[in-house]
Amino acid sequence: MRHRIAVLIFITFLTGLVGESSTSPLFQEHKQSSMTIKGHLVDVSCIVKHSNEPKSDKSWAKEHDRQCLVNADSAKSGYAVFTIEKSVYRFDDAGNKIAKKLIADTKREIDWKVTVTGLVERDIISVSDLVLEK
């Protein structure tokens, strides 16, 4: 009898986990949300290179230059937006193509301040729009 009660309790527990309930933490999806983010266009390899700097010293992003952005290794690593809050949102593949086109179509040398719009999931943004600020 005790065994049947334990089995019933266990089945009830499992039903609660896999049921329609959206309150189950084991089965909640990470929802994407559309965001507009302002910051500096940087490449992922430079983010890694500067990641050990103190949080207060992130001036490298403002001084990040065209030569670095078009460098083959930098372009291969992908692009991201580095925010004033010192957060990093890496671009998806489509966003990397948009960034390469933006870099090719402008003469700017430093201070690649941008506004990025797209769906964000964790630290990746699916870029729908990328605008270079004046």
N, C-alpha and C. Protein backbone atom coordinates (compact mmCIF):
# COMPACT_ATOMS: atom_id res chain seq x y z
N MET A 1 0.82 -1.19 0.00
CA MET A 1 0.00 0.00 0.00
C MET A 1 0.88 1.27 0.00
N ARG A 2 1.90 1.29 0.84
CA ARG A 2 2.80 2.45 0.87
C ARG A 2 3.48 2.65 -0.47
N HIS A 3 3.81 1.55 -1.12
CA HIS A 3 4.45 1.63 -2.44
C HIS A 3 3.51 2.29 -3.46
N ARG A 4 2.23 1.94 -3.44
CA ARG A 4 1.26 2.54 -4.36
C ARG A 4 1.11 4.04 -4.10
N ILE A 5 1.08 4.42 -2.85
CA ILE A 5 0.96 5.85 -2.51
C ILE A 5 2.19 6.60 -3.00
N ALA A 6 3.35 6.04 -2.81
CA ALA A 6 4.59 6.68 -3.27
C ALA A 6 4.58 6.82 -4.79
N VAL A 7 4.11 5.79 -5.49
CA VAL A 7 4.03 5.84 -6.95
C VAL A 7 3.04 6.90 -7.39
N LEU A 8 1.89 6.99 -6.73
CA LEU A 8 0.90 8.01 -7.07
C LEU A 8 1.44 9.42 -6.84
N ILE A 9 2.14 9.60 -5.76
CA ILE A 9 2.74 10.91 -5.48
C ILE A 9 3.77 11.25 -6.54
N PHE A 10 4.58 10.28 -6.92
CA PHE A 10 5.60 10.50 -7.94
C PHE A 10 4.97 10.84 -9.29
N ILE A 11 3.91 10.10 -9.68
CA ILE A 11 3.22 10.37 -10.94
C ILE A 11 2.59 11.77 -10.91
N THR A 12 2.00 12.15 -9.79
CA THR A 12 1.42 13.48 -9.65
C THR A 12 2.50 14.55 -9.81
N PHE A 13 3.67 14.31 -9.24
CA PHE A 13 4.80 15.23 -9.35
C PHE A 13 5.22 15.37 -10.81
N LEU A 14 5.39 14.24 -11.51
CA LEU A 14 5.79 14.27 -12.91
C LEU A 14 4.75 14.96 -13.78
N THR A 15 3.48 14.70 -13.54
CA THR A 15 2.42 15.33 -14.30
C THR A 15 2.48 16.84 -14.16
N GLY A 16 2.79 17.32 -13.00
CA GLY A 16 2.92 18.76 -12.77
C GLY A 16 4.09 19.35 -13.52
N LEU A 17 5.18 18.57 -13.70
CA LEU A 17 6.35 19.06 -14.41
C LEU A 17 6.15 19.13 -15.91
N VAL A 18 5.46 18.13 -16.47
CA VAL A 18 5.34 18.08 -17.92
C VAL A 18 3.97 18.52 -18.43
N GLY A 19 3.11 18.92 -17.54
CA GLY A 19 1.77 19.34 -17.94
C GLY A 19 1.77 20.68 -18.62
N GLU A 20 0.59 21.21 -18.80
CA GLU A 20 0.40 22.49 -19.48
C GLU A 20 0.85 23.67 -18.64
N SER A 21 1.19 23.43 -17.42
CA SER A 21 1.53 24.52 -16.51
C SER A 21 2.76 25.28 -16.96
N SER A 22 2.63 26.58 -17.11
CA SER A 22 3.77 27.40 -17.50
C SER A 22 4.61 27.80 -16.30
N THR A 23 4.19 27.37 -15.12
CA THR A 23 4.95 27.73 -13.93
C THR A 23 6.07 26.76 -13.64
N SER A 24 6.13 25.65 -14.35
CA SER A 24 7.19 24.67 -14.13
C SER A 24 8.52 25.25 -14.60
N PRO A 25 9.49 25.44 -13.68
CA PRO A 25 10.75 26.04 -14.07
C PRO A 25 11.58 25.15 -14.98
N LEU A 26 11.32 23.85 -14.99
CA LEU A 26 12.11 22.95 -15.82
C LEU A 26 11.76 23.07 -17.29
N PHE A 27 10.59 23.57 -17.61
CA PHE A 27 10.15 23.59 -18.99
C PHE A 27 9.81 24.98 -19.49
N GLN A 28 10.25 26.00 -18.82
CA GLN A 28 9.99 27.35 -19.31
C GLN A 28 10.97 27.67 -20.42
N GLU A 29 10.48 28.27 -21.49
CA GLU A 29 11.32 28.68 -22.59
C GLU A 29 11.97 30.01 -22.26
N HIS A 30 13.16 30.21 -22.84
CA HIS A 30 13.77 31.53 -22.76
C HIS A 30 13.18 32.34 -23.90
N LYS A 31 12.39 33.33 -23.60
CA LYS A 31 11.69 34.08 -24.63
C LYS A 31 12.60 35.14 -25.24
N GLN A 32 12.47 35.28 -26.55
CA GLN A 32 13.18 36.34 -27.24
C GLN A 32 12.37 37.62 -27.11
N SER A 33 13.08 38.74 -27.08
CA SER A 33 12.39 40.02 -27.05
C SER A 33 13.09 40.98 -27.98
N SER A 34 12.30 41.82 -28.64
CA SER A 34 12.86 42.81 -29.55
C SER A 34 13.41 43.97 -28.73
N MET A 35 14.61 44.39 -29.08
CA MET A 35 15.25 45.48 -28.34
C MET A 35 15.96 46.41 -29.31
N THR A 36 16.14 47.64 -28.87
CA THR A 36 17.00 48.60 -29.55
C THR A 36 18.13 48.91 -28.58
N ILE A 37 19.35 48.69 -29.03
CA ILE A 37 20.53 48.82 -28.17
C ILE A 37 21.49 49.82 -28.79
N LYS A 38 22.01 50.71 -27.94
CA LYS A 38 23.01 51.69 -28.40
C LYS A 38 24.36 51.33 -27.79
N GLY A 39 25.39 51.50 -28.58
CA GLY A 39 26.74 51.22 -28.10
C GLY A 39 27.74 51.37 -29.23
N HIS A 40 28.89 50.73 -29.07
CA HIS A 40 29.94 50.79 -30.08
C HIS A 40 30.05 49.46 -30.81
N LEU A 41 30.20 49.55 -32.13
CA LEU A 41 30.43 48.37 -32.95
C LEU A 41 31.86 47.90 -32.72
N VAL A 42 32.00 46.66 -32.31
CA VAL A 42 33.32 46.07 -32.05
C VAL A 42 33.34 44.66 -32.60
N ASP A 43 34.53 44.09 -32.69
CA ASP A 43 34.63 42.70 -33.11
C ASP A 43 34.85 41.83 -31.88
N VAL A 44 34.44 40.58 -31.99
CA VAL A 44 34.49 39.66 -30.85
C VAL A 44 35.93 39.40 -30.41
N SER A 45 36.88 39.35 -31.34
CA SER A 45 38.27 39.08 -30.95
C SER A 45 38.82 40.21 -30.06
N CYS A 46 38.41 41.45 -30.30
CA CYS A 46 38.86 42.55 -29.43
C CYS A 46 38.17 42.51 -28.07
N ILE A 47 36.93 42.05 -28.04
CA ILE A 47 36.25 41.90 -26.75
C ILE A 47 37.04 40.92 -25.89
N VAL A 48 37.43 39.80 -26.49
CA VAL A 48 38.21 38.79 -25.76
C VAL A 48 39.54 39.39 -25.32
N LYS A 49 40.20 40.10 -26.21
CA LYS A 49 41.50 40.69 -25.92
C LYS A 49 41.43 41.69 -24.75
N HIS A 50 40.36 42.46 -24.68
CA HIS A 50 40.23 43.50 -23.65
C HIS A 50 39.43 43.04 -22.43
N SER A 51 39.03 41.79 -22.39
CA SER A 51 38.13 41.33 -21.32
C SER A 51 38.77 41.35 -19.92
N ASN A 52 40.08 41.36 -19.85
CA ASN A 52 40.74 41.36 -18.53
C ASN A 52 40.97 42.75 -17.98
N GLU A 53 40.61 43.77 -18.73
CA GLU A 53 40.77 45.14 -18.25
C GLU A 53 39.74 45.42 -17.17
N PRO A 54 40.07 46.33 -16.25
CA PRO A 54 39.07 46.69 -15.23
C PRO A 54 37.81 47.23 -15.89
N LYS A 55 36.65 46.97 -15.27
CA LYS A 55 35.36 47.40 -15.85
C LYS A 55 35.32 48.90 -16.12
N SER A 56 36.02 49.68 -15.30
CA SER A 56 35.97 51.13 -15.46
C SER A 56 36.78 51.60 -16.68
N ASP A 57 37.69 50.75 -17.19
CA ASP A 57 38.52 51.15 -18.31
C ASP A 57 38.11 50.42 -19.58
N LYS A 58 37.05 50.90 -20.18
CA LYS A 58 36.58 50.30 -21.43
C LYS A 58 36.60 51.33 -22.55
N SER A 59 37.53 52.29 -22.48
CA SER A 59 37.62 53.33 -23.49
C SER A 59 38.07 52.78 -24.84
N TRP A 60 38.61 51.57 -24.86
CA TRP A 60 39.06 50.98 -26.12
C TRP A 60 37.93 50.89 -27.13
N ALA A 61 36.70 50.70 -26.68
CA ALA A 61 35.56 50.55 -27.60
C ALA A 61 35.34 51.82 -28.40
N LYS A 62 35.47 52.98 -27.76
CA LYS A 62 35.29 54.25 -28.46
C LYS A 62 36.43 54.48 -29.45
N GLU A 63 37.62 54.01 -29.10
CA GLU A 63 38.79 54.21 -29.95
C GLU A 63 38.99 53.08 -30.96
N HIS A 64 38.10 52.10 -30.92
CA HIS A 64 38.19 50.97 -31.84
C HIS A 64 38.12 51.49 -33.26
N ASP A 65 39.05 51.07 -34.12
CA ASP A 65 39.13 51.71 -35.43
C ASP A 65 38.77 50.80 -36.60
N ARG A 66 38.61 51.44 -37.73
CA ARG A 66 38.23 50.78 -38.97
C ARG A 66 39.22 49.67 -39.34
N GLN A 67 40.51 49.95 -39.18
CA GLN A 67 41.54 48.98 -39.54
C GLN A 67 41.32 47.66 -38.80
N CYS A 68 40.98 47.75 -37.54
CA CYS A 68 40.73 46.54 -36.76
C CYS A 68 39.43 45.86 -37.23
N LEU A 69 38.40 46.63 -37.48
CA LEU A 69 37.11 46.06 -37.88
C LEU A 69 37.19 45.31 -39.21
N VAL A 70 38.04 45.76 -40.14
CA VAL A 70 38.14 45.11 -41.44
C VAL A 70 39.22 44.02 -41.48
N ASN A 71 40.03 43.94 -40.44
CA ASN A 71 41.05 42.91 -40.35
C ASN A 71 40.39 41.53 -40.51
N ALA A 72 41.01 40.65 -41.26
CA ALA A 72 40.41 39.34 -41.57
C ALA A 72 40.09 38.54 -40.31
N ASP A 73 41.00 38.53 -39.33
CA ASP A 73 40.74 37.77 -38.10
C ASP A 73 39.59 38.38 -37.31
N SER A 74 39.53 39.70 -37.28
CA SER A 74 38.45 40.39 -36.57
C SER A 74 37.11 40.09 -37.22
N ALA A 75 37.06 40.21 -38.53
CA ALA A 75 35.82 39.96 -39.25
C ALA A 75 35.39 38.50 -39.09
N LYS A 76 36.34 37.61 -39.09
CA LYS A 76 36.03 36.17 -38.94
C LYS A 76 35.45 35.89 -37.55
N SER A 77 35.91 36.62 -36.53
CA SER A 77 35.42 36.40 -35.16
C SER A 77 33.98 36.86 -34.98
N GLY A 78 33.52 37.75 -35.85
CA GLY A 78 32.16 38.26 -35.75
C GLY A 78 32.13 39.62 -35.07
N TYR A 79 30.97 40.24 -35.11
CA TYR A 79 30.80 41.59 -34.56
C TYR A 79 29.82 41.58 -33.40
N ALA A 80 29.86 42.68 -32.65
CA ALA A 80 28.99 42.81 -31.48
C ALA A 80 28.79 44.29 -31.20
N VAL A 81 27.82 44.59 -30.35
CA VAL A 81 27.65 45.95 -29.85
C VAL A 81 28.05 45.92 -28.38
N PHE A 82 28.90 46.88 -28.01
CA PHE A 82 29.40 47.02 -26.64
C PHE A 82 28.71 48.25 -26.06
N THR A 83 27.86 48.05 -25.05
CA THR A 83 27.02 49.14 -24.54
C THR A 83 27.74 49.98 -23.49
N ILE A 84 27.14 51.14 -23.18
CA ILE A 84 27.68 52.02 -22.15
C ILE A 84 27.66 51.33 -20.78
N GLU A 85 26.74 50.36 -20.63
CA GLU A 85 26.67 49.60 -19.37
C GLU A 85 27.69 48.48 -19.35
N LYS A 86 28.51 48.40 -20.41
CA LYS A 86 29.56 47.40 -20.56
C LYS A 86 29.02 45.99 -20.78
N SER A 87 27.84 45.92 -21.40
CA SER A 87 27.28 44.65 -21.82
C SER A 87 27.67 44.41 -23.27
N VAL A 88 27.71 43.15 -23.66
CA VAL A 88 28.08 42.78 -25.02
C VAL A 88 26.95 41.93 -25.61
N TYR A 89 26.51 42.31 -26.79
CA TYR A 89 25.53 41.53 -27.53
C TYR A 89 26.15 41.16 -28.87
N ARG A 90 26.45 39.87 -29.04
CA ARG A 90 27.06 39.39 -30.28
C ARG A 90 26.00 39.33 -31.37
N PHE A 91 26.42 39.58 -32.61
CA PHE A 91 25.51 39.54 -33.75
C PHE A 91 25.35 38.12 -34.27
N ASP A 92 24.17 37.83 -34.79
CA ASP A 92 23.95 36.57 -35.49
C ASP A 92 24.63 36.67 -36.86
N ASP A 93 24.58 35.60 -37.66
CA ASP A 93 25.24 35.59 -38.97
C ASP A 93 24.74 36.71 -39.87
N ALA A 94 23.43 36.90 -39.90
CA ALA A 94 22.87 37.98 -40.73
C ALA A 94 23.36 39.34 -40.25
N GLY A 95 23.45 39.52 -38.94
CA GLY A 95 23.95 40.77 -38.37
C GLY A 95 25.40 41.02 -38.73
N ASN A 96 26.21 39.96 -38.77
CA ASN A 96 27.61 40.11 -39.18
C ASN A 96 27.71 40.58 -40.62
N LYS A 97 26.84 40.08 -41.49
CA LYS A 97 26.83 40.53 -42.89
C LYS A 97 26.41 41.99 -42.98
N ILE A 98 25.41 42.37 -42.20
CA ILE A 98 24.96 43.77 -42.18
C ILE A 98 26.08 44.68 -41.68
N ALA A 99 26.80 44.24 -40.65
CA ALA A 99 27.91 45.03 -40.10
C ALA A 99 29.03 45.19 -41.13
N LYS A 100 29.37 44.12 -41.84
CA LYS A 100 30.42 44.20 -42.86
C LYS A 100 30.05 45.20 -43.94
N LYS A 101 28.78 45.19 -44.34
CA LYS A 101 28.32 46.14 -45.36
C LYS A 101 28.38 47.58 -44.83
N LEU A 102 27.95 47.77 -43.59
CA LEU A 102 28.00 49.10 -42.98
C LEU A 102 29.44 49.63 -42.95
N ILE A 103 30.37 48.79 -42.55
CA ILE A 103 31.78 49.18 -42.46
C ILE A 103 32.31 49.53 -43.86
N ALA A 104 31.95 48.72 -44.85
CA ALA A 104 32.43 48.95 -46.22
C ALA A 104 31.84 50.22 -46.82
N ASP A 105 30.61 50.56 -46.43
CA ASP A 105 29.91 51.70 -47.03
C ASP A 105 30.19 53.04 -46.36
N THR A 106 31.05 53.09 -45.36
CA THR A 106 31.32 54.36 -44.69
C THR A 106 32.82 54.63 -44.61
N LYS A 107 33.15 55.88 -44.40
CA LYS A 107 34.56 56.29 -44.31
C LYS A 107 35.03 56.49 -42.87
N ARG A 108 34.14 56.29 -41.92
CA ARG A 108 34.48 56.54 -40.51
C ARG A 108 35.71 55.73 -40.11
N GLU A 109 36.57 56.34 -39.31
CA GLU A 109 37.79 55.68 -38.85
C GLU A 109 37.67 55.18 -37.40
N ILE A 110 37.12 56.02 -36.50
CA ILE A 110 36.97 55.61 -35.10
C ILE A 110 35.59 56.01 -34.58
N ASP A 111 35.31 55.63 -33.35
CA ASP A 111 34.06 55.96 -32.67
C ASP A 111 32.85 55.43 -33.44
N TRP A 112 32.78 54.11 -33.58
CA TRP A 112 31.74 53.42 -34.32
C TRP A 112 30.49 53.26 -33.46
N LYS A 113 29.90 54.39 -33.09
CA LYS A 113 28.69 54.38 -32.26
C LYS A 113 27.50 53.98 -33.13
N VAL A 114 26.77 52.95 -32.68
CA VAL A 114 25.67 52.40 -33.48
C VAL A 114 24.41 52.23 -32.65
N THR A 115 23.30 52.11 -33.37
CA THR A 115 22.03 51.69 -32.78
C THR A 115 21.64 50.40 -33.49
N VAL A 116 21.42 49.36 -32.69
CA VAL A 116 21.09 48.03 -33.23
C VAL A 116 19.70 47.66 -32.77
N THR A 117 18.89 47.16 -33.68
CA THR A 117 17.55 46.67 -33.35
C THR A 117 17.46 45.22 -33.77
N GLY A 118 16.83 44.41 -32.93
CA GLY A 118 16.65 43.01 -33.27
C GLY A 118 16.14 42.21 -32.09
N LEU A 119 15.96 40.92 -32.33
CA LEU A 119 15.53 40.00 -31.28
C LEU A 119 16.74 39.57 -30.47
N VAL A 120 16.61 39.64 -29.16
CA VAL A 120 17.72 39.28 -28.27
C VAL A 120 17.37 38.00 -27.53
N GLU A 121 18.31 37.08 -27.55
CA GLU A 121 18.21 35.87 -26.76
C GLU A 121 19.56 35.67 -26.09
N ARG A 122 19.55 35.79 -24.78
CA ARG A 122 20.76 35.74 -23.97
C ARG A 122 21.71 36.85 -24.42
N ASP A 123 22.87 36.51 -25.01
CA ASP A 123 23.82 37.55 -25.40
C ASP A 123 23.95 37.68 -26.92
N ILE A 124 22.98 37.14 -27.65
CA ILE A 124 23.02 37.22 -29.11
C ILE A 124 21.82 38.02 -29.61
N ILE A 125 22.10 38.94 -30.54
CA ILE A 125 21.03 39.72 -31.14
C ILE A 125 20.91 39.34 -32.61
N SER A 126 19.69 39.00 -33.01
CA SER A 126 19.38 38.75 -34.41
C SER A 126 19.07 40.10 -35.03
N VAL A 127 20.05 40.67 -35.68
CA VAL A 127 19.99 42.06 -36.13
C VAL A 127 18.98 42.23 -37.26
N SER A 128 18.04 43.17 -37.05
CA SER A 128 17.12 43.55 -38.13
C SER A 128 17.47 44.93 -38.67
N ASP A 129 18.17 45.74 -37.87
CA ASP A 129 18.57 47.08 -38.31
C ASP A 129 19.84 47.50 -37.57
N LEU A 130 20.75 48.11 -38.32
CA LEU A 130 22.02 48.60 -37.75
C LEU A 130 22.29 49.96 -38.35
N VAL A 131 22.33 50.98 -37.49
CA VAL A 131 22.49 52.35 -37.95
C VAL A 131 23.72 52.97 -37.28
N LEU A 132 24.59 53.57 -38.08
CA LEU A 132 25.75 54.28 -37.56
C LEU A 132 25.32 55.67 -37.14
N GLU A 133 25.57 56.01 -35.88
CA GLU A 133 25.19 57.34 -35.39
C GLU A 133 26.18 58.37 -35.87
N LYS A 134 25.69 59.59 -36.03
CA LYS A 134 26.54 60.67 -36.52
C LYS A 134 27.32 61.33 -35.43
